[in-house]
PDB file of N, CA and C in Angstrom:
ATOM      1  N   MET A   1       0.828  -1.207   0.000  1.00  0.00           N
ATOM      2  CA  MET A   1       0.000   0.000   0.000  1.00  0.00           C
ATOM      3  C   MET A   1       0.863   1.259   0.000  1.00  0.00           C
ATOM      4  N   ILE A   2       1.800   1.337   0.928  1.00  0.00           N
ATOM      5  CA  ILE A   2       2.654   2.520   1.046  1.00  0.00           C
ATOM      6  C   ILE A   2       3.474   2.708  -0.227  1.00  0.00           C
ATOM      7  N   GLU A   3       4.093   1.644  -0.682  1.00  0.00           N
ATOM      8  CA  GLU A   3       4.931   1.735  -1.879  1.00  0.00           C
ATOM      9  C   GLU A   3       4.103   2.123  -3.104  1.00  0.00           C
ATOM     10  N   ASP A   4       2.911   1.546  -3.227  1.00  0.00           N
ATOM     11  CA  ASP A   4       2.032   1.866  -4.358  1.00  0.00           C
ATOM     12  C   ASP A   4       1.610   3.335  -4.331  1.00  0.00           C
ATOM     13  N   THR A   5       1.245   3.825  -3.159  1.00  0.00           N
ATOM     14  CA  THR A   5       0.810   5.216  -3.034  1.00  0.00           C
ATOM     15  C   THR A   5       1.929   6.177  -3.414  1.00  0.00           C
ATOM     16  N   LEU A   6       3.130   5.921  -2.919  1.00  0.00           N
ATOM     17  CA  LEU A   6       4.244   6.814  -3.233  1.00  0.00           C
ATOM     18  C   LEU A   6       4.657   6.700  -4.698  1.00  0.00           C
ATOM     19  N   ALA A   7       4.498   5.529  -5.304  1.00  0.00           N
ATOM     20  CA  ALA A   7       4.764   5.383  -6.741  1.00  0.00           C
ATOM     21  C   ALA A   7       3.755   6.201  -7.548  1.00  0.00           C
ATOM     22  N   LYS A   8       2.509   6.209  -7.116  1.00  0.00           N
ATOM     23  CA  LYS A   8       1.479   7.010  -7.784  1.00  0.00           C
ATOM     24  C   LYS A   8       1.788   8.500  -7.655  1.00  0.00           C
ATOM     25  N   LEU A   9       2.305   8.902  -6.495  1.00  0.00           N
ATOM     26  CA  LEU A   9       2.666  10.309  -6.314  1.00  0.00           C
ATOM     27  C   LEU A   9       3.777  10.698  -7.272  1.00  0.00           C
ATOM     28  N   ASP A  10       4.765   9.838  -7.409  1.00  0.00           N
ATOM     29  CA  ASP A  10       5.852  10.114  -8.341  1.00  0.00           C
ATOM     30  C   ASP A  10       5.310  10.254  -9.759  1.00  0.00           C
ATOM     31  N   SER A  11       4.406   9.379 -10.137  1.00  0.00           N
ATOM     32  CA  SER A  11       3.790   9.446 -11.464  1.00  0.00           C
ATOM     33  C   SER A  11       3.035  10.759 -11.648  1.00  0.00           C
ATOM     34  N   ARG A  12       2.305  11.155 -10.631  1.00  0.00           N
ATOM     35  CA  ARG A  12       1.544  12.408 -10.702  1.00  0.00           C
ATOM     36  C   ARG A  12       2.485  13.603 -10.883  1.00  0.00           C
ATOM     37  N   VAL A  13       3.574  13.615 -10.132  1.00  0.00           N
ATOM     38  CA  VAL A  13       4.543  14.715 -10.234  1.00  0.00           C
ATOM     39  C   VAL A  13       5.142  14.760 -11.633  1.00  0.00           C
ATOM     40  N   ARG A  14       5.447  13.610 -12.193  1.00  0.00           N
ATOM     41  CA  ARG A  14       6.085  13.561 -13.511  1.00  0.00           C
ATOM     42  C   ARG A  14       5.147  14.000 -14.632  1.00  0.00           C
ATOM     43  N   GLN A  15       3.858  14.073 -14.349  1.00  0.00           N
ATOM     44  CA  GLN A  15       2.877  14.502 -15.358  1.00  0.00           C
ATOM     45  C   GLN A  15       2.575  15.997 -15.291  1.00  0.00           C
ATOM     46  N   ILE A  16       3.157  16.717 -14.369  1.00  0.00           N
ATOM     47  CA  ILE A  16       2.897  18.150 -14.247  1.00  0.00           C
ATOM     48  C   ILE A  16       3.655  18.872 -15.361  1.00  0.00           C
ATOM     49  N   SER A  17       2.919  19.401 -16.291  1.00  0.00           N
ATOM     50  CA  SER A  17       3.533  19.980 -17.485  1.00  0.00           C
ATOM     51  C   SER A  17       4.337  21.250 -17.207  1.00  0.00           C
ATOM     52  N   VAL A  18       3.994  21.982 -16.167  1.00  0.00           N
ATOM     53  CA  VAL A  18       4.688  23.245 -15.913  1.00  0.00           C
ATOM     54  C   VAL A  18       6.000  23.062 -15.151  1.00  0.00           C
ATOM     55  N   LEU A  19       6.322  21.838 -14.759  1.00  0.00           N
ATOM     56  CA  LEU A  19       7.573  21.589 -14.041  1.00  0.00           C
ATOM     57  C   LEU A  19       8.679  21.205 -15.003  1.00  0.00           C
ATOM     58  N   SER A  20       9.867  21.694 -14.739  1.00  0.00           N
ATOM     59  CA  SER A  20      11.025  21.294 -15.536  1.00  0.00           C
ATOM     60  C   SER A  20      11.379  19.843 -15.202  1.00  0.00           C
ATOM     61  N   ASP A  21      12.101  19.216 -16.094  1.00  0.00           N
ATOM     62  CA  ASP A  21      12.537  17.841 -15.848  1.00  0.00           C
ATOM     63  C   ASP A  21      13.419  17.764 -14.607  1.00  0.00           C
ATOM     64  N   ASP A  22      14.232  18.794 -14.390  1.00  0.00           N
ATOM     65  CA  ASP A  22      15.085  18.814 -13.203  1.00  0.00           C
ATOM     66  C   ASP A  22      14.258  18.791 -11.919  1.00  0.00           C
ATOM     67  N   LYS A  23      13.202  19.601 -11.874  1.00  0.00           N
ATOM     68  CA  LYS A  23      12.332  19.654 -10.696  1.00  0.00           C
ATOM     69  C   LYS A  23      11.606  18.325 -10.506  1.00  0.00           C
ATOM     70  N   LYS A  24      11.133  17.749 -11.614  1.00  0.00           N
ATOM     71  CA  LYS A  24      10.454  16.454 -11.528  1.00  0.00           C
ATOM     72  C   LYS A  24      11.396  15.387 -10.981  1.00  0.00           C
ATOM     73  N   ASN A  25      12.627  15.386 -11.480  1.00  0.00           N
ATOM     74  CA  ASN A  25      13.605  14.407 -11.017  1.00  0.00           C
ATOM     75  C   ASN A  25      13.977  14.628  -9.554  1.00  0.00           C
ATOM     76  N   GLU A  26      14.111  15.880  -9.169  1.00  0.00           N
ATOM     77  CA  GLU A  26      14.439  16.208  -7.779  1.00  0.00           C
ATOM     78  C   GLU A  26      13.340  15.725  -6.835  1.00  0.00           C
ATOM     79  N   LEU A  27      12.110  16.044  -7.170  1.00  0.00           N
ATOM     80  CA  LEU A  27      10.995  15.635  -6.325  1.00  0.00           C
ATOM     81  C   LEU A  27      10.816  14.114  -6.371  1.00  0.00           C
ATOM     82  N   GLY A  28      11.034  13.518  -7.523  1.00  0.00           N
ATOM     83  CA  GLY A  28      10.963  12.062  -7.640  1.00  0.00           C
ATOM     84  C   GLY A  28      11.985  11.367  -6.760  1.00  0.00           C
ATOM     85  N   ALA A  29      13.188  11.911  -6.716  1.00  0.00           N
ATOM     86  CA  ALA A  29      14.235  11.339  -5.861  1.00  0.00           C
ATOM     87  C   ALA A  29      13.863  11.470  -4.387  1.00  0.00           C
ATOM     88  N   LEU A  30      13.294  12.608  -4.026  1.00  0.00           N
ATOM     89  CA  LEU A  30      12.847  12.786  -2.638  1.00  0.00           C
ATOM     90  C   LEU A  30      11.758  11.781  -2.288  1.00  0.00           C
ATOM     91  N   LEU A  31      10.809  11.577  -3.195  1.00  0.00           N
ATOM     92  CA  LEU A  31       9.729  10.622  -2.946  1.00  0.00           C
ATOM     93  C   LEU A  31      10.268   9.197  -2.843  1.00  0.00           C
ATOM     94  N   GLU A  32      11.263   8.873  -3.624  1.00  0.00           N
ATOM     95  CA  GLU A  32      11.879   7.541  -3.544  1.00  0.00           C
ATOM     96  C   GLU A  32      12.568   7.347  -2.186  1.00  0.00           C
ATOM     97  N   THR A  33      13.265   8.357  -1.727  1.00  0.00           N
ATOM     98  CA  THR A  33      13.904   8.278  -0.420  1.00  0.00           C
ATOM     99  C   THR A  33      12.858   8.221   0.685  1.00  0.00           C
ATOM    100  N   LEU A  34      11.795   9.001   0.524  1.00  0.00           N
ATOM    101  CA  LEU A  34      10.699   8.960   1.499  1.00  0.00           C
ATOM    102  C   LEU A  34      10.109   7.556   1.557  1.00  0.00           C
ATOM    103  N   LYS A  35       9.930   6.935   0.408  1.00  0.00           N
ATOM    104  CA  LYS A  35       9.392   5.571   0.373  1.00  0.00           C
ATOM    105  C   LYS A  35      10.275   4.628   1.187  1.00  0.00           C
ATOM    106  N   ASP A  36      11.579   4.686   0.978  1.00  0.00           N
ATOM    107  CA  ASP A  36      12.497   3.821   1.719  1.00  0.00           C
ATOM    108  C   ASP A  36      12.375   4.034   3.226  1.00  0.00           C
ATOM    109  N   GLU A  37      12.306   5.296   3.627  1.00  0.00           N
ATOM    110  CA  GLU A  37      12.224   5.618   5.051  1.00  0.00           C
ATOM    111  C   GLU A  37      10.887   5.186   5.659  1.00  0.00           C
ATOM    112  N   VAL A  38       9.805   5.391   4.922  1.00  0.00           N
ATOM    113  CA  VAL A  38       8.476   5.051   5.434  1.00  0.00           C
ATOM    114  C   VAL A  38       8.301   3.536   5.492  1.00  0.00           C
ATOM    115  N   VAL A  39       8.822   2.829   4.507  1.00  0.00           N
ATOM    116  CA  VAL A  39       8.742   1.365   4.534  1.00  0.00           C
ATOM    117  C   VAL A  39       9.495   0.830   5.752  1.00  0.00           C
ATOM    118  N   ALA A  40      10.652   1.386   6.033  1.00  0.00           N
ATOM    119  CA  ALA A  40      11.406   0.965   7.228  1.00  0.00           C
ATOM    120  C   ALA A  40      10.612   1.268   8.499  1.00  0.00           C
ATOM    121  N   LEU A  41      10.002   2.433   8.558  1.00  0.00           N
ATOM    122  CA  LEU A  41       9.209   2.806   9.726  1.00  0.00           C
ATOM    123  C   LEU A  41       8.006   1.878   9.882  1.00  0.00           C
ATOM    124  N   SER A  42       7.425   1.448   8.786  1.00  0.00           N
ATOM    125  CA  SER A  42       6.208   0.624   8.838  1.00  0.00           C
ATOM    126  C   SER A  42       6.436  -0.715   9.536  1.00  0.00           C
ATOM    127  N   GLU A  43       7.686  -1.149   9.611  1.00  0.00           N
ATOM    128  CA  GLU A  43       7.988  -2.406  10.286  1.00  0.00           C
ATOM    129  C   GLU A  43       7.727  -2.327  11.784  1.00  0.00           C
ATOM    130  N   THR A  44       7.831  -1.138  12.351  1.00  0.00           N
ATOM    131  CA  THR A  44       7.611  -0.986  13.797  1.00  0.00           C
ATOM    132  C   THR A  44       6.447  -0.062  14.127  1.00  0.00           C
ATOM    133  N   LYS A  45       6.115   0.841  13.232  1.00  0.00           N
ATOM    134  CA  LYS A  45       5.063   1.833  13.475  1.00  0.00           C
ATOM    135  C   LYS A  45       4.200   1.963  12.232  1.00  0.00           C
ATOM    136  N   ALA A  46       3.424   0.922  11.953  1.00  0.00           N
ATOM    137  CA  ALA A  46       2.645   0.867  10.721  1.00  0.00           C
ATOM    138  C   ALA A  46       1.644   2.013  10.611  1.00  0.00           C
ATOM    139  N   GLY A  47       0.976   2.345  11.695  1.00  0.00           N
ATOM    140  CA  GLY A  47      -0.011   3.425  11.667  1.00  0.00           C
ATOM    141  C   GLY A  47       0.616   4.768  11.361  1.00  0.00           C
ATOM    142  N   ASP A  48       1.767   5.030  11.950  1.00  0.00           N
ATOM    143  CA  ASP A  48       2.467   6.286  11.688  1.00  0.00           C
ATOM    144  C   ASP A  48       2.953   6.351  10.243  1.00  0.00           C
ATOM    145  N   ALA A  49       3.458   5.234   9.751  1.00  0.00           N
ATOM    146  CA  ALA A  49       3.919   5.186   8.363  1.00  0.00           C
ATOM    147  C   ALA A  49       2.763   5.449   7.405  1.00  0.00           C
ATOM    148  N   GLU A  50       1.610   4.892   7.715  1.00  0.00           N
ATOM    149  CA  GLU A  50       0.419   5.106   6.888  1.00  0.00           C
ATOM    150  C   GLU A  50      -0.001   6.573   6.911  1.00  0.00           C
ATOM    151  N   SER A  51       0.050   7.196   8.069  1.00  0.00           N
ATOM    152  CA  SER A  51      -0.309   8.622   8.176  1.00  0.00           C
ATOM    153  C   SER A  51       0.618   9.495   7.349  1.00  0.00           C
ATOM    154  N   ILE A  52       1.901   9.225   7.436  1.00  0.00           N
ATOM    155  CA  ILE A  52       2.870   9.999   6.660  1.00  0.00           C
ATOM    156  C   ILE A  52       2.587   9.850   5.171  1.00  0.00           C
ATOM    157  N   THR A  53       2.334   8.632   4.748  1.00  0.00           N
ATOM    158  CA  THR A  53       2.051   8.366   3.337  1.00  0.00           C
ATOM    159  C   THR A  53       0.786   9.087   2.881  1.00  0.00           C
ATOM    160  N   ARG A  54      -0.250   9.024   3.692  1.00  0.00           N
ATOM    161  CA  ARG A  54      -1.516   9.675   3.313  1.00  0.00           C
ATOM    162  C   ARG A  54      -1.371  11.197   3.273  1.00  0.00           C
ATOM    163  N   PHE A  55      -0.626  11.756   4.218  1.00  0.00           N
ATOM    164  CA  PHE A  55      -0.404  13.204   4.170  1.00  0.00           C
ATOM    165  C   PHE A  55       0.455  13.588   2.976  1.00  0.00           C
ATOM    166  N   ALA A  56       1.406  12.749   2.599  1.00  0.00           N
ATOM    167  CA  ALA A  56       2.204  13.019   1.396  1.00  0.00           C
ATOM    168  C   ALA A  56       1.303  13.004   0.165  1.00  0.00           C
ATOM    169  N   GLU A  57       0.387  12.046   0.138  1.00  0.00           N
ATOM    170  CA  GLU A  57      -0.559  11.959  -0.983  1.00  0.00           C
ATOM    171  C   GLU A  57      -1.462  13.193  -1.028  1.00  0.00           C
ATOM    172  N   LEU A  58      -2.009  13.559   0.103  1.00  0.00           N
ATOM    173  CA  LEU A  58      -2.894  14.723   0.179  1.00  0.00           C
ATOM    174  C   LEU A  58      -2.151  16.007  -0.199  1.00  0.00           C
ATOM    175  N   SER A  59      -0.955  16.165   0.311  1.00  0.00           N
ATOM    176  CA  SER A  59      -0.175  17.368   0.008  1.00  0.00           C
ATOM    177  C   SER A  59       0.125  17.474  -1.477  1.00  0.00           C
ATOM    178  N   THR A  60       0.517  16.365  -2.076  1.00  0.00           N
ATOM    179  CA  THR A  60       0.805  16.371  -3.509  1.00  0.00           C
ATOM    180  C   THR A  60      -0.448  16.697  -4.302  1.00  0.00           C
ATOM    181  N   HIS A  61      -1.557  16.131  -3.895  1.00  0.00           N
ATOM    182  CA  HIS A  61      -2.833  16.424  -4.564  1.00  0.00           C
ATOM    183  C   HIS A  61      -3.163  17.915  -4.494  1.00  0.00           C
ATOM    184  N   GLU A  62      -3.091  18.479  -3.305  1.00  0.00           N
ATOM    185  CA  GLU A  62      -3.467  19.887  -3.128  1.00  0.00           C
ATOM    186  C   GLU A  62      -2.514  20.829  -3.850  1.00  0.00           C
ATOM    187  N   VAL A  63      -1.236  20.529  -3.809  1.00  0.00           N
ATOM    188  CA  VAL A  63      -0.247  21.419  -4.430  1.00  0.00           C
ATOM    189  C   VAL A  63      -0.316  21.364  -5.944  1.00  0.00           C
ATOM    190  N   THR A  64      -0.700  20.226  -6.492  1.00  0.00           N
ATOM    191  CA  THR A  64      -0.707  20.101  -7.949  1.00  0.00           C
ATOM    192  C   THR A  64      -2.050  20.417  -8.585  1.00  0.00           C
ATOM    193  N   ARG A  65      -3.050  20.738  -7.810  1.00  0.00           N
ATOM    194  CA  ARG A  65      -4.347  21.120  -8.378  1.00  0.00           C
ATOM    195  C   ARG A  65      -4.246  22.494  -9.015  1.00  0.00           C
ATOM    196  N   GLU A  66      -4.776  22.628 -10.211  1.00  0.00           N
ATOM    197  CA  GLU A  66      -4.733  23.917 -10.900  1.00  0.00           C
ATOM    198  C   GLU A  66      -5.609  24.955 -10.215  1.00  0.00           C
ATOM    199  N   ASP A  67      -6.722  24.517  -9.683  1.00  0.00           N
ATOM    200  CA  ASP A  67      -7.652  25.453  -9.059  1.00  0.00           C
ATOM    201  C   ASP A  67      -7.660  25.300  -7.539  1.00  0.00           C
ATOM    202  N   GLY A  68      -6.529  24.878  -7.006  1.00  0.00           N
ATOM    203  CA  GLY A  68      -6.437  24.592  -5.580  1.00  0.00           C
ATOM    204  C   GLY A  68      -6.472  25.830  -4.707  1.00  0.00           C
ATOM    205  N   SER A  69      -6.849  25.600  -3.481  1.00  0.00           N
ATOM    206  CA  SER A  69      -6.923  26.647  -2.472  1.00  0.00           C
ATOM    207  C   SER A  69      -5.585  26.775  -1.757  1.00  0.00           C
ATOM    208  N   ASP A  70      -5.106  28.009  -1.610  1.00  0.00           N
ATOM    209  CA  ASP A  70      -3.865  28.232  -0.874  1.00  0.00           C
ATOM    210  C   ASP A  70      -3.987  27.727   0.564  1.00  0.00           C
ATOM    211  N   ARG A  71      -5.144  27.897   1.142  1.00  0.00           N
ATOM    212  CA  ARG A  71      -5.374  27.453   2.522  1.00  0.00           C
ATOM    213  C   ARG A  71      -5.249  25.930   2.629  1.00  0.00           C
ATOM    214  N   LEU A  72      -5.833  25.202   1.680  1.00  0.00           N
ATOM    215  CA  LEU A  72      -5.739  23.748   1.701  1.00  0.00           C
ATOM    216  C   LEU A  72      -4.314  23.272   1.438  1.00  0.00           C
ATOM    217  N   LYS A  73      -3.599  23.961   0.573  1.00  0.00           N
ATOM    218  CA  LYS A  73      -2.191  23.625   0.345  1.00  0.00           C
ATOM    219  C   LYS A  73      -1.406  23.755   1.640  1.00  0.00           C
ATOM    220  N   THR A  74      -1.611  24.876   2.317  1.00  0.00           N
ATOM    221  CA  THR A  74      -0.897  25.123   3.567  1.00  0.00           C
ATOM    222  C   THR A  74      -1.251  24.080   4.618  1.00  0.00           C
ATOM    223  N   LEU A  75      -2.538  23.809   4.780  1.00  0.00           N
ATOM    224  CA  LEU A  75      -2.974  22.826   5.774  1.00  0.00           C
ATOM    225  C   LEU A  75      -2.429  21.426   5.478  1.00  0.00           C
ATOM    226  N   SER A  76      -2.428  21.034   4.208  1.00  0.00           N
ATOM    227  CA  SER A  76      -1.940  19.701   3.869  1.00  0.00           C
ATOM    228  C   SER A  76      -0.441  19.580   4.124  1.00  0.00           C
ATOM    229  N   LEU A  77       0.308  20.625   3.815  1.00  0.00           N
ATOM    230  CA  LEU A  77       1.752  20.604   4.079  1.00  0.00           C
ATOM    231  C   LEU A  77       2.038  20.628   5.574  1.00  0.00           C
ATOM    232  N   GLU A  78       1.239  21.377   6.332  1.00  0.00           N
ATOM    233  CA  GLU A  78       1.399  21.372   7.785  1.00  0.00           C
ATOM    234  C   GLU A  78       1.097  19.988   8.344  1.00  0.00           C
ATOM    235  N   GLY A  79       0.084  19.323   7.793  1.00  0.00           N
ATOM    236  CA  GLY A  79      -0.247  17.968   8.220  1.00  0.00           C
ATOM    237  C   GLY A  79       0.879  16.993   7.932  1.00  0.00           C
ATOM    238  N   LEU A  80       1.479  17.109   6.745  1.00  0.00           N
ATOM    239  CA  LEU A  80       2.601  16.243   6.403  1.00  0.00           C
ATOM    240  C   LEU A  80       3.760  16.470   7.364  1.00  0.00           C
ATOM    241  N   SER A  81       4.063  17.712   7.619  1.00  0.00           N
ATOM    242  CA  SER A  81       5.144  18.032   8.547  1.00  0.00           C
ATOM    243  C   SER A  81       4.838  17.505   9.954  1.00  0.00           C
ATOM    244  N   ALA A  82       3.600  17.680  10.396  1.00  0.00           N
ATOM    245  CA  ALA A  82       3.200  17.228  11.733  1.00  0.00           C
ATOM    246  C   ALA A  82       3.202  15.707  11.844  1.00  0.00           C
ATOM    247  N   SER A  83       3.040  15.016  10.722  1.00  0.00           N
ATOM    248  CA  SER A  83       2.978  13.553  10.761  1.00  0.00           C
ATOM    249  C   SER A  83       4.289  12.916  11.215  1.00  0.00           C
ATOM    250  N   VAL A  84       5.379  13.673  11.171  1.00  0.00           N
ATOM    251  CA  VAL A  84       6.668  13.133  11.631  1.00  0.00           C
ATOM    252  C   VAL A  84       7.114  13.714  12.964  1.00  0.00           C
ATOM    253  N   ASP A  85       6.235  14.500  13.595  1.00  0.00           N
ATOM    254  CA  ASP A  85       6.564  15.018  14.926  1.00  0.00           C
ATOM    255  C   ASP A  85       6.891  13.856  15.861  1.00  0.00           C
ATOM    256  N   GLY A  86       7.942  14.001  16.614  1.00  0.00           N
ATOM    257  CA  GLY A  86       8.331  12.972  17.564  1.00  0.00           C
ATOM    258  C   GLY A  86       9.330  11.966  17.018  1.00  0.00           C
ATOM    259  N   PHE A  87       9.633  12.040  15.738  1.00  0.00           N
ATOM    260  CA  PHE A  87      10.580  11.097  15.142  1.00  0.00           C
ATOM    261  C   PHE A  87      11.974  11.701  14.955  1.00  0.00           C
ATOM    262  N   GLU A  88      12.194  12.894  15.471  1.00  0.00           N
ATOM    263  CA  GLU A  88      13.472  13.572  15.271  1.00  0.00           C
ATOM    264  C   GLU A  88      14.646  12.750  15.793  1.00  0.00           C
ATOM    265  N   VAL A  89      14.467  12.068  16.916  1.00  0.00           N
ATOM    266  CA  VAL A  89      15.555  11.292  17.511  1.00  0.00           C
ATOM    267  C   VAL A  89      15.633   9.894  16.902  1.00  0.00           C
ATOM    268  N   SER A  90      14.502   9.219  16.794  1.00  0.00           N
ATOM    269  CA  SER A  90      14.511   7.832  16.339  1.00  0.00           C
ATOM    270  C   SER A  90      14.666   7.679  14.821  1.00  0.00           C
ATOM    271  N   HIS A  91      14.165   8.640  14.058  1.00  0.00           N
ATOM    272  CA  HIS A  91      14.215   8.568  12.591  1.00  0.00           C
ATOM    273  C   HIS A  91      14.543   9.947  12.000  1.00  0.00           C
ATOM    274  N   PRO A  92      15.733  10.461  12.289  1.00  0.00           N
ATOM    275  CA  PRO A  92      16.061  11.817  11.826  1.00  0.00           C
ATOM    276  C   PRO A  92      16.067  11.960  10.309  1.00  0.00           C
ATOM    277  N   ARG A  93      16.453  10.919   9.598  1.00  0.00           N
ATOM    278  CA  ARG A  93      16.477  10.984   8.131  1.00  0.00           C
ATOM    279  C   ARG A  93      15.056  11.124   7.578  1.00  0.00           C
ATOM    280  N   LEU A  94      14.102  10.432   8.188  1.00  0.00           N
ATOM    281  CA  LEU A  94      12.700  10.536   7.780  1.00  0.00           C
ATOM    282  C   LEU A  94      12.205  11.963   7.941  1.00  0.00           C
ATOM    283  N   VAL A  95      12.505  12.567   9.068  1.00  0.00           N
ATOM    284  CA  VAL A  95      12.085  13.952   9.323  1.00  0.00           C
ATOM    285  C   VAL A  95      12.719  14.892   8.305  1.00  0.00           C
ATOM    286  N   GLN A  96      13.989  14.682   8.034  1.00  0.00           N
ATOM    287  CA  GLN A  96      14.688  15.523   7.059  1.00  0.00           C
ATOM    288  C   GLN A  96      14.049  15.404   5.673  1.00  0.00           C
ATOM    289  N   ILE A  97      13.726  14.181   5.264  1.00  0.00           N
ATOM    290  CA  ILE A  97      13.139  13.964   3.944  1.00  0.00           C
ATOM    291  C   ILE A  97      11.750  14.582   3.863  1.00  0.00           C
ATOM    292  N   VAL A  98      10.943  14.390   4.896  1.00  0.00           N
ATOM    293  CA  VAL A  98       9.602  14.983   4.889  1.00  0.00           C
ATOM    294  C   VAL A  98       9.694  16.494   4.810  1.00  0.00           C
ATOM    295  N   ASN A  99      10.612  17.080   5.558  1.00  0.00           N
ATOM    296  CA  ASN A  99      10.781  18.533   5.496  1.00  0.00           C
ATOM    297  C   ASN A  99      11.221  18.978   4.100  1.00  0.00           C
ATOM    298  N   SER A 100      12.083  18.208   3.462  1.00  0.00           N
ATOM    299  CA  SER A 100      12.515  18.532   2.096  1.00  0.00           C
ATOM    300  C   SER A 100      11.361  18.405   1.106  1.00  0.00           C
ATOM    301  N   VAL A 101      10.535  17.373   1.266  1.00  0.00           N
ATOM    302  CA  VAL A 101       9.371  17.204   0.399  1.00  0.00           C
ATOM    303  C   VAL A 101       8.424  18.384   0.573  1.00  0.00           C
ATOM    304  N   CYS A 102       8.173  18.765   1.844  1.00  0.00           N
ATOM    305  CA  CYS A 102       7.285  19.911   2.101  1.00  0.00           C
ATOM    306  C   CYS A 102       7.812  21.171   1.447  1.00  0.00           C
ATOM    307  N   THR A 103       9.092  21.420   1.600  1.00  0.00           N
ATOM    308  CA  THR A 103       9.700  22.604   1.012  1.00  0.00           C
ATOM    309  C   THR A 103       9.597  22.568  -0.508  1.00  0.00           C
ATOM    310  N   SER A 104       9.911  21.435  -1.091  1.00  0.00           N
ATOM    311  CA  SER A 104       9.846  21.319  -2.550  1.00  0.00           C
ATOM    312  C   SER A 104       8.433  21.518  -3.066  1.00  0.00           C
ATOM    313  N   LEU A 105       7.465  20.906  -2.411  1.00  0.00           N
ATOM    314  CA  LEU A 105       6.075  21.077  -2.837  1.00  0.00           C
ATOM    315  C   LEU A 105       5.621  22.532  -2.668  1.00  0.00           C
ATOM    316  N   ALA A 106       5.991  23.133  -1.561  1.00  0.00           N
ATOM    317  CA  ALA A 106       5.586  24.521  -1.309  1.00  0.00           C
ATOM    318  C   ALA A 106       6.192  25.470  -2.343  1.00  0.00           C
ATOM    319  N   ASN A 107       7.375  25.127  -2.830  1.00  0.00           N
ATOM    320  CA  ASN A 107       8.067  26.007  -3.767  1.00  0.00           C
ATOM    321  C   ASN A 107       7.722  25.741  -5.231  1.00  0.00           C
ATOM    322  N   LEU A 108       6.821  24.813  -5.498  1.00  0.00           N
ATOM    323  CA  LEU A 108       6.469  24.513  -6.891  1.00  0.00           C
ATOM    324  C   LEU A 108       5.813  25.702  -7.586  1.00  0.00           C
ATOM    325  N   GLY A 109       5.039  26.447  -6.843  1.00  0.00           N
ATOM    326  CA  GLY A 109       4.429  27.635  -7.424  1.00  0.00           C
ATOM    327  C   GLY A 109       3.371  27.349  -8.465  1.00  0.00           C
ATOM    328  N   ILE A 110       2.708  26.234  -8.342  1.00  0.00           N
ATOM    329  CA  ILE A 110       1.652  25.883  -9.299  1.00  0.00           C
ATOM    330  C   ILE A 110       0.376  26.593  -8.910  1.00  0.00           C
TER     331      ILE A 110
END
């Protein structure tokens, strides 16, 4: 489930016509790293891993909508960021990747 969802997100990002190939590749690489980190987390904290994945999906959806609401974009990115609260010590790489994904999505300017 987690791997499939993140693969779909990568596909969605790669279909955004207004993004350069460099940006698509950058975000794709971040999503691939996020997948690795979330899959590892799912072995011990399946519910948390699922939440992170769903917030990543929601954030990508809101940020890539042409007629999206700025408020919903902000809320979805805040949710994604909040989904890793408490993992700074146990999974610092996961927190770093989620923060990078949030920053990249916020800076897309779609």
